[in-house]
Amino acid sequence: MDKQSRKQLLEQYKNRTVTGGVYYIKCNGNGRTWIKSTQDMVGEKNRFDFSVSINSCMEPAMLTEWNKYGADSFSLIILEEIKKKDTQTDREFTDDIEVLLDMWLEKQREQNLK
């Protein structure tokens, strides 16, 4: 790769729209869910899809269900996404996602109490 192409790719990477958020992984075999957050939703979805395609559990907490029901019984569902603002630092973006995760975990607790 020549120096100019590399420079252009680096610039494109820096200027990409970063989207993070909250999602859950569901085991359709028993209905169990795991709520998670990420600063890179596209990357997380790609990692999940790859894990399913090679039947390799990406989360130790899911391993029992993964082995019992198989990779194809799992799905990733996006609950809420947020885009990183140009004015936000990485830390501010991470903090916003953590607040969003806390809100979704609280919603889940409330639903479980009903």
N, C-alpha and C. Protein backbone atom coordinates (compact mmCIF):
# COMPACT_ATOMS: atom_id res chain seq x y z
N MET A 1 0.85 -1.17 0.00
CA MET A 1 0.00 0.00 0.00
C MET A 1 0.90 1.23 0.00
N ASP A 2 0.62 2.15 -0.91
CA ASP A 2 1.45 3.34 -0.94
C ASP A 2 1.07 4.32 0.18
N LYS A 3 1.95 5.26 0.41
CA LYS A 3 1.79 6.20 1.52
C LYS A 3 0.51 7.03 1.40
N GLN A 4 0.17 7.45 0.19
CA GLN A 4 -1.03 8.27 -0.02
C GLN A 4 -2.30 7.49 0.29
N SER A 5 -2.38 6.24 -0.18
CA SER A 5 -3.57 5.41 0.09
C SER A 5 -3.73 5.18 1.59
N ARG A 6 -2.62 4.91 2.24
CA ARG A 6 -2.67 4.69 3.68
C ARG A 6 -3.16 5.94 4.41
N LYS A 7 -2.68 7.09 3.97
CA LYS A 7 -3.09 8.37 4.57
C LYS A 7 -4.59 8.60 4.37
N GLN A 8 -5.09 8.29 3.19
CA GLN A 8 -6.51 8.46 2.90
C GLN A 8 -7.36 7.52 3.76
N LEU A 9 -6.93 6.27 3.88
CA LEU A 9 -7.67 5.31 4.71
C LEU A 9 -7.69 5.75 6.17
N LEU A 10 -6.57 6.24 6.65
CA LEU A 10 -6.50 6.72 8.03
C LEU A 10 -7.44 7.91 8.24
N GLU A 11 -7.48 8.79 7.28
CA GLU A 11 -8.37 9.96 7.37
C GLU A 11 -9.83 9.54 7.34
N GLN A 12 -10.17 8.58 6.49
CA GLN A 12 -11.55 8.07 6.44
C GLN A 12 -11.93 7.43 7.77
N TYR A 13 -11.02 6.69 8.35
CA TYR A 13 -11.29 6.04 9.63
C TYR A 13 -11.54 7.08 10.72
N LYS A 14 -10.73 8.11 10.75
CA LYS A 14 -10.88 9.16 11.77
C LYS A 14 -12.20 9.92 11.61
N ASN A 15 -12.66 10.06 10.37
CA ASN A 15 -13.86 10.84 10.10
C ASN A 15 -15.15 10.03 10.04
N ARG A 16 -15.07 8.72 10.32
CA ARG A 16 -16.26 7.88 10.27
C ARG A 16 -17.23 8.27 11.40
N THR A 17 -18.47 7.95 11.21
CA THR A 17 -19.47 8.19 12.24
C THR A 17 -19.41 7.04 13.23
N VAL A 18 -19.15 7.36 14.48
CA VAL A 18 -19.08 6.35 15.53
C VAL A 18 -20.45 6.23 16.18
N THR A 19 -20.98 5.02 16.21
CA THR A 19 -22.28 4.77 16.81
C THR A 19 -22.12 3.71 17.89
N GLY A 20 -22.53 4.06 19.09
CA GLY A 20 -22.52 3.12 20.20
C GLY A 20 -23.93 2.91 20.67
N GLY A 21 -24.07 2.19 21.77
CA GLY A 21 -25.41 2.01 22.30
C GLY A 21 -25.55 0.80 23.19
N VAL A 22 -26.80 0.43 23.36
CA VAL A 22 -27.17 -0.68 24.24
C VAL A 22 -27.90 -1.72 23.40
N TYR A 23 -27.59 -2.98 23.66
CA TYR A 23 -28.19 -4.09 22.94
C TYR A 23 -28.36 -5.25 23.91
N TYR A 24 -29.08 -6.25 23.47
CA TYR A 24 -29.11 -7.47 24.26
C TYR A 24 -28.93 -8.67 23.36
N ILE A 25 -28.38 -9.70 23.96
CA ILE A 25 -28.25 -10.98 23.29
C ILE A 25 -29.27 -11.90 23.93
N LYS A 26 -30.05 -12.55 23.09
CA LYS A 26 -31.12 -13.41 23.58
C LYS A 26 -30.88 -14.84 23.15
N CYS A 27 -31.06 -15.74 24.10
CA CYS A 27 -31.06 -17.17 23.79
C CYS A 27 -32.51 -17.54 23.52
N ASN A 28 -32.82 -17.82 22.28
CA ASN A 28 -34.19 -18.15 21.91
C ASN A 28 -34.62 -19.51 22.44
N GLY A 29 -33.65 -20.31 22.86
CA GLY A 29 -33.96 -21.63 23.42
C GLY A 29 -34.66 -21.55 24.76
N ASN A 30 -34.27 -20.59 25.59
CA ASN A 30 -34.89 -20.48 26.92
C ASN A 30 -35.34 -19.06 27.26
N GLY A 31 -35.13 -18.11 26.35
CA GLY A 31 -35.59 -16.74 26.56
C GLY A 31 -34.68 -15.87 27.41
N ARG A 32 -33.58 -16.40 27.88
CA ARG A 32 -32.67 -15.63 28.73
C ARG A 32 -32.00 -14.54 27.90
N THR A 33 -31.78 -13.37 28.53
CA THR A 33 -31.15 -12.25 27.84
C THR A 33 -29.99 -11.69 28.65
N TRP A 34 -29.06 -11.09 27.92
CA TRP A 34 -27.93 -10.40 28.52
C TRP A 34 -27.89 -9.01 27.91
N ILE A 35 -28.06 -7.97 28.75
CA ILE A 35 -28.01 -6.59 28.27
C ILE A 35 -26.57 -6.12 28.35
N LYS A 36 -26.11 -5.49 27.27
CA LYS A 36 -24.72 -5.05 27.17
C LYS A 36 -24.67 -3.69 26.49
N SER A 37 -23.50 -3.07 26.54
CA SER A 37 -23.30 -1.80 25.84
C SER A 37 -21.99 -1.85 25.07
N THR A 38 -21.87 -0.95 24.11
CA THR A 38 -20.67 -0.87 23.30
C THR A 38 -20.48 0.54 22.78
N GLN A 39 -19.24 0.91 22.54
CA GLN A 39 -18.94 2.19 21.91
C GLN A 39 -18.87 2.04 20.39
N ASP A 40 -18.99 0.81 19.90
CA ASP A 40 -18.90 0.53 18.46
C ASP A 40 -19.93 -0.55 18.10
N MET A 41 -21.14 -0.12 17.79
CA MET A 41 -22.22 -1.06 17.53
C MET A 41 -21.95 -1.91 16.29
N VAL A 42 -21.40 -1.32 15.25
CA VAL A 42 -21.11 -2.07 14.03
C VAL A 42 -20.09 -3.17 14.33
N GLY A 43 -19.04 -2.83 15.05
CA GLY A 43 -18.03 -3.81 15.40
C GLY A 43 -18.58 -4.92 16.27
N GLU A 44 -19.42 -4.55 17.22
CA GLU A 44 -20.00 -5.56 18.13
C GLU A 44 -20.90 -6.52 17.36
N LYS A 45 -21.71 -5.98 16.44
CA LYS A 45 -22.58 -6.83 15.62
C LYS A 45 -21.75 -7.77 14.75
N ASN A 46 -20.66 -7.25 14.19
CA ASN A 46 -19.78 -8.10 13.37
C ASN A 46 -19.14 -9.20 14.21
N ARG A 47 -18.69 -8.87 15.42
CA ARG A 47 -18.10 -9.89 16.30
C ARG A 47 -19.13 -10.97 16.65
N PHE A 48 -20.36 -10.54 16.94
CA PHE A 48 -21.42 -11.49 17.26
C PHE A 48 -21.69 -12.42 16.07
N ASP A 49 -21.87 -11.83 14.90
CA ASP A 49 -22.16 -12.62 13.70
C ASP A 49 -21.02 -13.61 13.42
N PHE A 50 -19.79 -13.17 13.60
CA PHE A 50 -18.65 -14.05 13.38
C PHE A 50 -18.65 -15.19 14.40
N SER A 51 -18.92 -14.87 15.66
CA SER A 51 -18.97 -15.91 16.70
C SER A 51 -20.02 -16.96 16.37
N VAL A 52 -21.17 -16.52 15.93
CA VAL A 52 -22.23 -17.47 15.55
C VAL A 52 -21.78 -18.31 14.36
N SER A 53 -21.15 -17.68 13.39
CA SER A 53 -20.76 -18.40 12.17
C SER A 53 -19.71 -19.49 12.43
N ILE A 54 -18.87 -19.29 13.44
CA ILE A 54 -17.85 -20.31 13.74
C ILE A 54 -18.19 -21.10 15.00
N ASN A 55 -19.39 -20.87 15.54
CA ASN A 55 -19.87 -21.56 16.74
C ASN A 55 -18.90 -21.42 17.91
N SER A 56 -18.51 -20.17 18.17
CA SER A 56 -17.59 -19.88 19.26
C SER A 56 -18.22 -18.82 20.15
N CYS A 57 -18.61 -19.21 21.34
CA CYS A 57 -19.28 -18.30 22.26
C CYS A 57 -18.36 -17.14 22.64
N MET A 58 -18.84 -15.92 22.46
CA MET A 58 -18.04 -14.73 22.73
C MET A 58 -18.17 -14.25 24.17
N GLU A 59 -19.07 -14.81 24.93
CA GLU A 59 -19.34 -14.35 26.28
C GLU A 59 -19.39 -15.54 27.23
N PRO A 60 -18.45 -15.62 28.17
CA PRO A 60 -18.43 -16.77 29.10
C PRO A 60 -19.74 -16.99 29.86
N ALA A 61 -20.46 -15.92 30.16
CA ALA A 61 -21.72 -16.05 30.90
C ALA A 61 -22.79 -16.79 30.11
N MET A 62 -22.63 -16.86 28.79
CA MET A 62 -23.61 -17.52 27.93
C MET A 62 -23.22 -18.94 27.57
N LEU A 63 -22.07 -19.38 27.98
CA LEU A 63 -21.51 -20.63 27.50
C LEU A 63 -22.41 -21.84 27.75
N THR A 64 -23.05 -21.91 28.91
CA THR A 64 -23.92 -23.05 29.21
C THR A 64 -25.07 -23.12 28.21
N GLU A 65 -25.75 -21.99 27.99
CA GLU A 65 -26.85 -21.96 27.04
C GLU A 65 -26.36 -22.18 25.60
N TRP A 66 -25.19 -21.62 25.30
CA TRP A 66 -24.60 -21.76 23.96
C TRP A 66 -24.38 -23.23 23.65
N ASN A 67 -23.81 -23.95 24.62
CA ASN A 67 -23.55 -25.38 24.42
C ASN A 67 -24.85 -26.19 24.36
N LYS A 68 -25.84 -25.79 25.13
CA LYS A 68 -27.09 -26.54 25.17
C LYS A 68 -27.97 -26.29 23.94
N TYR A 69 -28.11 -25.03 23.53
CA TYR A 69 -29.06 -24.69 22.46
C TYR A 69 -28.40 -24.43 21.10
N GLY A 70 -27.09 -24.20 21.10
CA GLY A 70 -26.37 -23.96 19.84
C GLY A 70 -26.33 -22.50 19.45
N ALA A 71 -25.35 -22.17 18.66
CA ALA A 71 -25.12 -20.78 18.25
C ALA A 71 -26.31 -20.16 17.52
N ASP A 72 -26.99 -20.95 16.72
CA ASP A 72 -28.09 -20.42 15.91
C ASP A 72 -29.30 -20.02 16.74
N SER A 73 -29.33 -20.38 18.01
CA SER A 73 -30.46 -20.00 18.85
C SER A 73 -30.24 -18.63 19.51
N PHE A 74 -29.14 -17.96 19.20
CA PHE A 74 -28.84 -16.66 19.78
C PHE A 74 -29.06 -15.55 18.77
N SER A 75 -29.53 -14.42 19.27
CA SER A 75 -29.72 -13.26 18.41
C SER A 75 -29.31 -12.00 19.16
N LEU A 76 -28.83 -11.02 18.41
CA LEU A 76 -28.44 -9.73 18.97
C LEU A 76 -29.48 -8.71 18.56
N ILE A 77 -30.04 -8.02 19.54
CA ILE A 77 -31.10 -7.04 19.29
C ILE A 77 -30.65 -5.69 19.83
N ILE A 78 -30.65 -4.68 18.98
CA ILE A 78 -30.24 -3.34 19.39
C ILE A 78 -31.41 -2.66 20.08
N LEU A 79 -31.17 -2.18 21.30
CA LEU A 79 -32.20 -1.48 22.06
C LEU A 79 -32.18 0.03 21.77
N GLU A 80 -30.98 0.60 21.76
CA GLU A 80 -30.88 2.04 21.52
C GLU A 80 -29.47 2.37 21.06
N GLU A 81 -29.39 3.25 20.07
CA GLU A 81 -28.10 3.67 19.54
C GLU A 81 -27.94 5.17 19.72
N ILE A 82 -26.69 5.59 19.92
CA ILE A 82 -26.38 7.02 19.94
C ILE A 82 -25.12 7.25 19.12
N LYS A 83 -25.09 8.38 18.45
CA LYS A 83 -23.92 8.74 17.64
C LYS A 83 -23.01 9.65 18.46
N LYS A 84 -21.72 9.44 18.31
CA LYS A 84 -20.75 10.28 18.99
C LYS A 84 -20.73 11.64 18.32
N LYS A 85 -20.86 12.68 19.13
CA LYS A 85 -20.85 14.04 18.60
C LYS A 85 -19.40 14.46 18.33
N ASP A 86 -19.23 15.35 17.37
CA ASP A 86 -17.90 15.84 17.03
C ASP A 86 -17.22 16.51 18.22
N THR A 87 -18.01 17.08 19.10
CA THR A 87 -17.46 17.82 20.24
C THR A 87 -17.19 16.93 21.46
N GLN A 88 -17.60 15.67 21.41
CA GLN A 88 -17.43 14.76 22.54
C GLN A 88 -16.06 14.12 22.56
N THR A 89 -15.52 13.99 23.76
CA THR A 89 -14.31 13.19 23.92
C THR A 89 -14.73 11.72 23.99
N ASP A 90 -13.76 10.83 23.85
CA ASP A 90 -14.07 9.41 24.00
C ASP A 90 -14.65 9.11 25.37
N ARG A 91 -14.12 9.75 26.40
CA ARG A 91 -14.59 9.53 27.78
C ARG A 91 -16.04 10.00 27.93
N GLU A 92 -16.38 11.15 27.36
CA GLU A 92 -17.75 11.66 27.44
C GLU A 92 -18.72 10.72 26.72
N PHE A 93 -18.30 10.21 25.58
CA PHE A 93 -19.13 9.27 24.82
C PHE A 93 -19.34 7.99 25.62
N THR A 94 -18.28 7.48 26.21
CA THR A 94 -18.37 6.28 27.05
C THR A 94 -19.29 6.53 28.24
N ASP A 95 -19.18 7.68 28.87
CA ASP A 95 -20.06 8.02 30.00
C ASP A 95 -21.53 8.05 29.58
N ASP A 96 -21.81 8.63 28.40
CA ASP A 96 -23.19 8.66 27.90
C ASP A 96 -23.73 7.25 27.69
N ILE A 97 -22.90 6.38 27.16
CA ILE A 97 -23.33 5.00 26.92
C ILE A 97 -23.56 4.27 28.24
N GLU A 98 -22.71 4.53 29.24
CA GLU A 98 -22.90 3.91 30.55
C GLU A 98 -24.21 4.35 31.19
N VAL A 99 -24.56 5.62 31.05
CA VAL A 99 -25.84 6.12 31.56
C VAL A 99 -26.99 5.43 30.84
N LEU A 100 -26.87 5.30 29.54
CA LEU A 100 -27.90 4.63 28.74
C LEU A 100 -28.06 3.18 29.18
N LEU A 101 -26.95 2.50 29.42
CA LEU A 101 -26.99 1.11 29.90
C LEU A 101 -27.68 1.04 31.25
N ASP A 102 -27.35 1.94 32.16
CA ASP A 102 -27.99 1.95 33.47
C ASP A 102 -29.50 2.13 33.36
N MET A 103 -29.93 2.99 32.44
CA MET A 103 -31.37 3.20 32.23
C MET A 103 -32.05 1.91 31.76
N TRP A 104 -31.43 1.20 30.82
CA TRP A 104 -32.01 -0.04 30.32
C TRP A 104 -32.00 -1.14 31.37
N LEU A 105 -30.94 -1.20 32.17
CA LEU A 105 -30.90 -2.20 33.25
C LEU A 105 -31.99 -1.92 34.28
N GLU A 106 -32.23 -0.64 34.56
CA GLU A 106 -33.30 -0.27 35.49
C GLU A 106 -34.67 -0.67 34.91
N LYS A 107 -34.88 -0.43 33.63
CA LYS A 107 -36.14 -0.84 32.99
C LYS A 107 -36.34 -2.34 33.12
N GLN A 108 -35.27 -3.09 32.91
CA GLN A 108 -35.34 -4.55 33.02
C GLN A 108 -35.70 -4.96 34.46
N ARG A 109 -35.10 -4.32 35.45
CA ARG A 109 -35.41 -4.63 36.86
C ARG A 109 -36.89 -4.36 37.15
N GLU A 110 -37.37 -3.22 36.67
CA GLU A 110 -38.78 -2.86 36.90
C GLU A 110 -39.71 -3.89 36.26
N GLN A 111 -39.39 -4.35 35.07
CA GLN A 111 -40.23 -5.34 34.39
C GLN A 111 -40.19 -6.68 35.13
N ASN A 112 -39.05 -7.03 35.69
CA ASN A 112 -38.94 -8.29 36.42
C ASN A 112 -39.71 -8.27 37.74
N LEU A 113 -39.92 -7.08 38.29
CA LEU A 113 -40.66 -6.96 39.54
C LEU A 113 -42.16 -7.03 39.33
N LYS A 114 -42.61 -6.83 38.11
CA LYS A 114 -44.06 -6.84 37.84
C LYS A 114 -44.57 -8.24 37.72
